[in-house]
Amino acid sequence: MKIKHFLLVFTLLLATSNLVAQEDSLSVAVNTDTIVAKKPDYKPYNPLAPAKAAFYSAVLPGLGQAYNGKYWKIPIVYAGMGVSIYFYLDNDKKYDKYRDAYKRRLAGYTDDEFSTPEGVPRVSTDGLIRAQKQLQRYKELSLLITAGIYALNIIDANVDAHLQQFNVSEDLTLKPAMNFDKFTGKTDYGLSLNFNF
């Protein structure tokens, strides 16, 4: 009987000791709902990201750069294409002037814009032909530059999307190293490049 009473009293004391226990003044409230994870410095690997960026840049120049988050490149793309298109249109307009003047000369007229009011040519007929050839070459060069900038826009978006997924690990180190040669007893100095996987 004594053991039963002892166990009963012991159980009651344990139960009441939890109720009377002093609260810890240094305890910190922890929110168990929130989990803080370290955000990686690089985008997670997406094998379709370079293809998407290249496709977007092919559809609308600069859209692939926007997809990659490199918004500062968009004005460069449009400035390059805009300047080359401007020079194409300007050379085309000049070409048309020389072409029209040449056609009028062949028809026997001397009142073109490259002649004086008296009908004396300021630019010879051979000069008109040479100017047409040169302006035609400039037009073709402007088109080639526009196509090149368009292609560079696509290549830049593709390469930039590839490089954003490239993980530069902290395990890659370059540090000075000393190597003691056991046979000669000399110390060699150099650089050590360490890869840790």
C-alpha atoms as a PDB file:
ATOM      1  CA  MET A   1       0.000   0.000   0.000  1.00  0.00           C
ATOM      2  CA  LYS A   2       2.800   2.343   0.843  1.00  0.00           C
ATOM      3  CA  ILE A   3       4.275   1.923  -2.617  1.00  0.00           C
ATOM      4  CA  LYS A   4       0.964   2.777  -4.242  1.00  0.00           C
ATOM      5  CA  HIS A   5       0.640   5.927  -2.139  1.00  0.00           C
ATOM      6  CA  PHE A   6       4.222   6.839  -2.876  1.00  0.00           C
ATOM      7  CA  LEU A   7       3.693   6.453  -6.646  1.00  0.00           C
ATOM      8  CA  LEU A   8       0.485   8.464  -6.490  1.00  0.00           C
ATOM      9  CA  VAL A   9       2.144  11.303  -4.571  1.00  0.00           C
ATOM     10  CA  PHE A  10       5.192  11.203  -6.858  1.00  0.00           C
ATOM     11  CA  THR A  11       3.003  11.396  -9.966  1.00  0.00           C
ATOM     12  CA  LEU A  12       1.052  14.330  -8.560  1.00  0.00           C
ATOM     13  CA  LEU A  13       4.269  16.175  -7.703  1.00  0.00           C
ATOM     14  CA  LEU A  14       5.613  15.679 -11.226  1.00  0.00           C
ATOM     15  CA  ALA A  15       2.373  16.869 -12.754  1.00  0.00           C
ATOM     16  CA  THR A  16       2.235  20.003 -10.595  1.00  0.00           C
ATOM     17  CA  SER A  17       5.928  20.773 -11.010  1.00  0.00           C
ATOM     18  CA  ASN A  18       5.376  21.450 -14.717  1.00  0.00           C
ATOM     19  CA  LEU A  19       2.596  23.885 -13.872  1.00  0.00           C
ATOM     20  CA  VAL A  20       4.633  25.766 -11.278  1.00  0.00           C
ATOM     21  CA  ALA A  21       7.921  25.838 -13.227  1.00  0.00           C
ATOM     22  CA  GLN A  22       9.387  29.261 -13.860  1.00  0.00           C
ATOM     23  CA  GLU A  23       9.286  30.509 -17.468  1.00  0.00           C
ATOM     24  CA  ASP A  24      12.666  30.881 -19.201  1.00  0.00           C
ATOM     25  CA  SER A  25      13.433  34.607 -19.627  1.00  0.00           C
ATOM     26  CA  LEU A  26      15.988  33.981 -22.419  1.00  0.00           C
ATOM     27  CA  SER A  27      13.746  31.928 -24.656  1.00  0.00           C
ATOM     28  CA  VAL A  28      13.276  33.104 -28.224  1.00  0.00           C
ATOM     29  CA  ALA A  29      10.046  32.674 -30.071  1.00  0.00           C
ATOM     30  CA  VAL A  30      10.639  30.535 -33.142  1.00  0.00           C
ATOM     31  CA  ASN A  31       8.182  30.542 -35.976  1.00  0.00           C
ATOM     32  CA  THR A  32       8.103  26.970 -37.189  1.00  0.00           C
ATOM     33  CA  ASP A  33       6.168  27.890 -40.340  1.00  0.00           C
ATOM     34  CA  THR A  34       9.011  29.889 -41.877  1.00  0.00           C
ATOM     35  CA  ILE A  35      11.975  28.114 -43.425  1.00  0.00           C
ATOM     36  CA  VAL A  36      14.810  30.341 -44.599  1.00  0.00           C
ATOM     37  CA  ALA A  37      16.800  28.901 -47.473  1.00  0.00           C
ATOM     38  CA  LYS A  38      19.893  30.486 -48.970  1.00  0.00           C
ATOM     39  CA  LYS A  39      19.190  31.705 -52.479  1.00  0.00           C
ATOM     40  CA  PRO A  40      21.805  30.503 -54.993  1.00  0.00           C
ATOM     41  CA  ASP A  41      23.906  33.072 -56.875  1.00  0.00           C
ATOM     42  CA  TYR A  42      22.970  31.500 -60.194  1.00  0.00           C
ATOM     43  CA  LYS A  43      19.772  30.477 -61.921  1.00  0.00           C
ATOM     44  CA  PRO A  44      18.868  26.799 -61.665  1.00  0.00           C
ATOM     45  CA  TYR A  45      19.749  24.800 -64.748  1.00  0.00           C
ATOM     46  CA  ASN A  46      17.136  25.058 -67.478  1.00  0.00           C
ATOM     47  CA  PRO A  47      18.257  23.338 -70.694  1.00  0.00           C
ATOM     48  CA  LEU A  48      15.712  25.260 -72.799  1.00  0.00           C
ATOM     49  CA  ALA A  49      16.631  28.755 -71.566  1.00  0.00           C
ATOM     50  CA  PRO A  50      19.314  29.426 -74.238  1.00  0.00           C
ATOM     51  CA  ALA A  51      16.996  28.247 -77.016  1.00  0.00           C
ATOM     52  CA  LYS A  52      14.149  30.393 -75.674  1.00  0.00           C
ATOM     53  CA  ALA A  53      16.364  33.464 -75.428  1.00  0.00           C
ATOM     54  CA  ALA A  54      17.639  32.960 -78.986  1.00  0.00           C
ATOM     55  CA  PHE A  55      14.103  32.422 -80.305  1.00  0.00           C
ATOM     56  CA  TYR A  56      12.817  35.539 -78.552  1.00  0.00           C
ATOM     57  CA  SER A  57      15.664  37.613 -80.009  1.00  0.00           C
ATOM     58  CA  ALA A  58      14.977  36.207 -83.468  1.00  0.00           C
ATOM     59  CA  VAL A  59      11.295  37.152 -83.243  1.00  0.00           C
ATOM     60  CA  LEU A  60      11.893  40.641 -81.827  1.00  0.00           C
ATOM     61  CA  PRO A  61      15.439  41.973 -81.425  1.00  0.00           C
ATOM     62  CA  GLY A  62      16.144  42.717 -77.773  1.00  0.00           C
ATOM     63  CA  LEU A  63      13.439  40.418 -76.415  1.00  0.00           C
ATOM     64  CA  GLY A  64      15.995  37.702 -75.629  1.00  0.00           C
ATOM     65  CA  GLN A  65      18.044  40.218 -73.655  1.00  0.00           C
ATOM     66  CA  ALA A  66      14.896  41.150 -71.713  1.00  0.00           C
ATOM     67  CA  TYR A  67      14.248  37.432 -71.082  1.00  0.00           C
ATOM     68  CA  ASN A  68      17.771  37.152 -69.634  1.00  0.00           C
ATOM     69  CA  GLY A  69      17.300  40.273 -67.507  1.00  0.00           C
ATOM     70  CA  LYS A  70      19.985  42.277 -69.351  1.00  0.00           C
ATOM     71  CA  TYR A  71      17.810  45.295 -70.108  1.00  0.00           C
ATOM     72  CA  TRP A  72      20.782  47.607 -70.641  1.00  0.00           C
ATOM     73  CA  LYS A  73      21.672  45.742 -73.861  1.00  0.00           C
ATOM     74  CA  ILE A  74      18.345  46.483 -75.570  1.00  0.00           C
ATOM     75  CA  PRO A  75      19.175  50.133 -76.472  1.00  0.00           C
ATOM     76  CA  ILE A  76      22.525  49.013 -77.880  1.00  0.00           C
ATOM     77  CA  VAL A  77      20.810  46.484 -80.168  1.00  0.00           C
ATOM     78  CA  TYR A  78      18.286  49.019 -81.426  1.00  0.00           C
ATOM     79  CA  ALA A  79      20.859  51.782 -81.808  1.00  0.00           C
ATOM     80  CA  GLY A  80      23.100  49.545 -83.930  1.00  0.00           C
ATOM     81  CA  MET A  81      20.262  48.361 -86.114  1.00  0.00           C
ATOM     82  CA  GLY A  82      18.751  51.846 -86.345  1.00  0.00           C
ATOM     83  CA  VAL A  83      22.001  53.478 -87.461  1.00  0.00           C
ATOM     84  CA  SER A  84      22.664  50.854 -90.132  1.00  0.00           C
ATOM     85  CA  ILE A  85      19.063  51.096 -91.424  1.00  0.00           C
ATOM     86  CA  TYR A  86      19.346  54.903 -91.472  1.00  0.00           C
ATOM     87  CA  PHE A  87      22.500  54.708 -93.612  1.00  0.00           C
ATOM     88  CA  TYR A  88      20.821  52.208 -95.930  1.00  0.00           C
ATOM     89  CA  LEU A  89      17.854  54.537 -96.479  1.00  0.00           C
ATOM     90  CA  ASP A  90      20.094  57.587 -96.889  1.00  0.00           C
ATOM     91  CA  ASN A  91      22.321  55.838 -99.454  1.00  0.00           C
ATOM     92  CA  ASP A  92      19.234  54.548-101.276  1.00  0.00           C
ATOM     93  CA  LYS A  93      17.856  58.087-101.552  1.00  0.00           C
ATOM     94  CA  LYS A  94      21.184  59.391-102.893  1.00  0.00           C
ATOM     95  CA  TYR A  95      21.419  56.436-105.285  1.00  0.00           C
ATOM     96  CA  ASP A  96      17.968  57.269-106.672  1.00  0.00           C
ATOM     97  CA  LYS A  97      19.039  60.899-107.269  1.00  0.00           C
ATOM     98  CA  TYR A  98      22.129  59.861-109.234  1.00  0.00           C
ATOM     99  CA  ARG A  99      20.166  57.168-111.088  1.00  0.00           C
ATOM    100  CA  ASP A 100      17.430  59.627-112.120  1.00  0.00           C
ATOM    101  CA  ALA A 101      20.028  62.172-113.256  1.00  0.00           C
ATOM    102  CA  TYR A 102      21.833  59.505-115.281  1.00  0.00           C
ATOM    103  CA  LYS A 103      18.579  58.403-116.962  1.00  0.00           C
ATOM    104  CA  ARG A 104      17.752  62.018-117.866  1.00  0.00           C
ATOM    105  CA  ARG A 105      21.218  62.477-119.350  1.00  0.00           C
ATOM    106  CA  LEU A 106      20.763  59.346-121.471  1.00  0.00           C
ATOM    107  CA  ALA A 107      17.417  60.746-122.656  1.00  0.00           C
ATOM    108  CA  GLY A 108      19.209  63.932-123.785  1.00  0.00           C
ATOM    109  CA  TYR A 109      18.115  66.328-121.036  1.00  0.00           C
ATOM    110  CA  THR A 110      20.637  68.630-119.320  1.00  0.00           C
ATOM    111  CA  ASP A 111      18.400  70.083-116.627  1.00  0.00           C
ATOM    112  CA  ASP A 112      19.187  67.629-113.810  1.00  0.00           C
ATOM    113  CA  GLU A 113      20.286  68.730-110.339  1.00  0.00           C
ATOM    114  CA  PHE A 114      23.955  67.973-111.146  1.00  0.00           C
ATOM    115  CA  SER A 115      24.056  70.547-113.961  1.00  0.00           C
ATOM    116  CA  THR A 116      24.249  74.330-113.888  1.00  0.00           C
ATOM    117  CA  PRO A 117      21.185  76.370-114.987  1.00  0.00           C
ATOM    118  CA  GLU A 118      22.916  76.906-118.349  1.00  0.00           C
ATOM    119  CA  GLY A 119      22.993  73.121-118.926  1.00  0.00           C
ATOM    120  CA  VAL A 120      26.712  72.595-118.192  1.00  0.00           C
ATOM    121  CA  PRO A 121      27.145  69.401-116.172  1.00  0.00           C
ATOM    122  CA  ARG A 122      28.864  69.803-112.794  1.00  0.00           C
ATOM    123  CA  VAL A 123      29.162  66.026-112.558  1.00  0.00           C
ATOM    124  CA  SER A 124      30.067  64.093-115.686  1.00  0.00           C
ATOM    125  CA  THR A 125      28.117  61.090-116.893  1.00  0.00           C
ATOM    126  CA  ASP A 126      30.986  58.827-115.834  1.00  0.00           C
ATOM    127  CA  GLY A 127      30.864  60.503-112.408  1.00  0.00           C
ATOM    128  CA  LEU A 128      27.157  59.647-112.167  1.00  0.00           C
ATOM    129  CA  ILE A 129      27.914  56.009-112.990  1.00  0.00           C
ATOM    130  CA  ARG A 130      30.736  55.843-110.417  1.00  0.00           C
ATOM    131  CA  ALA A 131      28.503  57.466-107.756  1.00  0.00           C
ATOM    132  CA  GLN A 132      25.769  54.900-108.437  1.00  0.00           C
ATOM    133  CA  LYS A 133      28.226  52.009-108.060  1.00  0.00           C
ATOM    134  CA  GLN A 134      29.650  53.446-104.837  1.00  0.00           C
ATOM    135  CA  LEU A 135      26.228  54.114-103.328  1.00  0.00           C
ATOM    136  CA  GLN A 136      25.054  50.638-104.331  1.00  0.00           C
ATOM    137  CA  ARG A 137      28.071  49.210-102.490  1.00  0.00           C
ATOM    138  CA  TYR A 138      27.247  51.352 -99.422  1.00  0.00           C
ATOM    139  CA  LYS A 139      23.626  50.128 -99.485  1.00  0.00           C
ATOM    140  CA  GLU A 140      24.760  46.509 -99.579  1.00  0.00           C
ATOM    141  CA  LEU A 141      27.248  47.133 -96.779  1.00  0.00           C
ATOM    142  CA  SER A 142      24.513  48.732 -94.663  1.00  0.00           C
ATOM    143  CA  LEU A 143      22.275  45.702 -95.214  1.00  0.00           C
ATOM    144  CA  LEU A 144      25.131  43.380 -94.300  1.00  0.00           C
ATOM    145  CA  ILE A 145      25.819  45.322 -91.092  1.00  0.00           C
ATOM    146  CA  THR A 146      22.111  45.253 -90.178  1.00  0.00           C
ATOM    147  CA  ALA A 147      21.999  41.485 -90.688  1.00  0.00           C
ATOM    148  CA  GLY A 148      25.216  41.115 -88.667  1.00  0.00           C
ATOM    149  CA  ILE A 149      23.828  43.104 -85.735  1.00  0.00           C
ATOM    150  CA  TYR A 150      20.622  41.059 -85.887  1.00  0.00           C
ATOM    151  CA  ALA A 151      22.663  37.831 -85.782  1.00  0.00           C
ATOM    152  CA  LEU A 152      24.847  39.156 -82.950  1.00  0.00           C
ATOM    153  CA  ASN A 153      21.683  39.996 -81.032  1.00  0.00           C
ATOM    154  CA  ILE A 154      20.556  36.352 -81.280  1.00  0.00           C
ATOM    155  CA  ILE A 155      24.013  34.979 -80.429  1.00  0.00           C
ATOM    156  CA  ASP A 156      24.351  37.334 -77.447  1.00  0.00           C
ATOM    157  CA  ALA A 157      21.000  36.252 -76.005  1.00  0.00           C
ATOM    158  CA  ASN A 158      21.900  32.572 -76.421  1.00  0.00           C
ATOM    159  CA  VAL A 159      25.369  32.867 -74.892  1.00  0.00           C
ATOM    160  CA  ASP A 160      24.144  35.059 -72.046  1.00  0.00           C
ATOM    161  CA  ALA A 161      21.447  32.495 -71.173  1.00  0.00           C
ATOM    162  CA  HIS A 162      24.117  29.771 -71.157  1.00  0.00           C
ATOM    163  CA  LEU A 163      26.422  31.787 -68.910  1.00  0.00           C
ATOM    164  CA  GLN A 164      23.691  32.625 -66.416  1.00  0.00           C
ATOM    165  CA  GLN A 165      23.365  28.920 -65.687  1.00  0.00           C
ATOM    166  CA  PHE A 166      27.095  28.455 -65.240  1.00  0.00           C
ATOM    167  CA  ASN A 167      27.833  27.705 -61.593  1.00  0.00           C
ATOM    168  CA  VAL A 168      31.019  29.333 -60.356  1.00  0.00           C
ATOM    169  CA  SER A 169      31.626  27.368 -57.194  1.00  0.00           C
ATOM    170  CA  GLU A 170      33.487  28.603 -54.159  1.00  0.00           C
ATOM    171  CA  ASP A 171      35.481  25.357 -54.313  1.00  0.00           C
ATOM    172  CA  LEU A 172      37.569  26.720 -57.172  1.00  0.00           C
ATOM    173  CA  THR A 173      40.692  28.317 -55.706  1.00  0.00           C
ATOM    174  CA  LEU A 174      44.004  29.627 -56.964  1.00  0.00           C
ATOM    175  CA  LYS A 175      46.636  29.997 -54.271  1.00  0.00           C
ATOM    176  CA  PRO A 176      50.394  30.016 -53.896  1.00  0.00           C
ATOM    177  CA  ALA A 177      51.977  26.694 -53.053  1.00  0.00           C
ATOM    178  CA  MET A 178      55.369  25.360 -51.990  1.00  0.00           C
ATOM    179  CA  ASN A 179      56.592  21.933 -52.968  1.00  0.00           C
ATOM    180  CA  PHE A 180      59.492  20.370 -51.085  1.00  0.00           C
ATOM    181  CA  ASP A 181      61.574  18.085 -53.305  1.00  0.00           C
ATOM    182  CA  LYS A 182      62.720  15.185 -51.133  1.00  0.00           C
ATOM    183  CA  PHE A 183      65.528  14.112 -53.468  1.00  0.00           C
ATOM    184  CA  THR A 184      67.332  17.428 -53.949  1.00  0.00           C
ATOM    185  CA  GLY A 185      66.251  19.109 -50.708  1.00  0.00           C
ATOM    186  CA  LYS A 186      65.116  22.249 -52.557  1.00  0.00           C
ATOM    187  CA  THR A 187      61.799  24.032 -52.320  1.00  0.00           C
ATOM    188  CA  ASP A 188      59.861  24.883 -55.468  1.00  0.00           C
ATOM    189  CA  TYR A 189      57.414  27.793 -55.536  1.00  0.00           C
ATOM    190  CA  GLY A 190      54.390  28.121 -57.760  1.00  0.00           C
ATOM    191  CA  LEU A 191      50.661  28.505 -58.044  1.00  0.00           C
ATOM    192  CA  SER A 192      48.206  25.752 -57.332  1.00  0.00           C
ATOM    193  CA  LEU A 193      44.778  25.560 -58.982  1.00  0.00           C
ATOM    194  CA  ASN A 194      42.472  23.358 -56.927  1.00  0.00           C
ATOM    195  CA  PHE A 195      39.159  21.857 -58.001  1.00  0.00           C
ATOM    196  CA  ASN A 196      36.980  20.340 -55.284  1.00  0.00           C
ATOM    197  CA  PHE A 197      34.016  18.222 -56.306  1.00  0.00           C
END
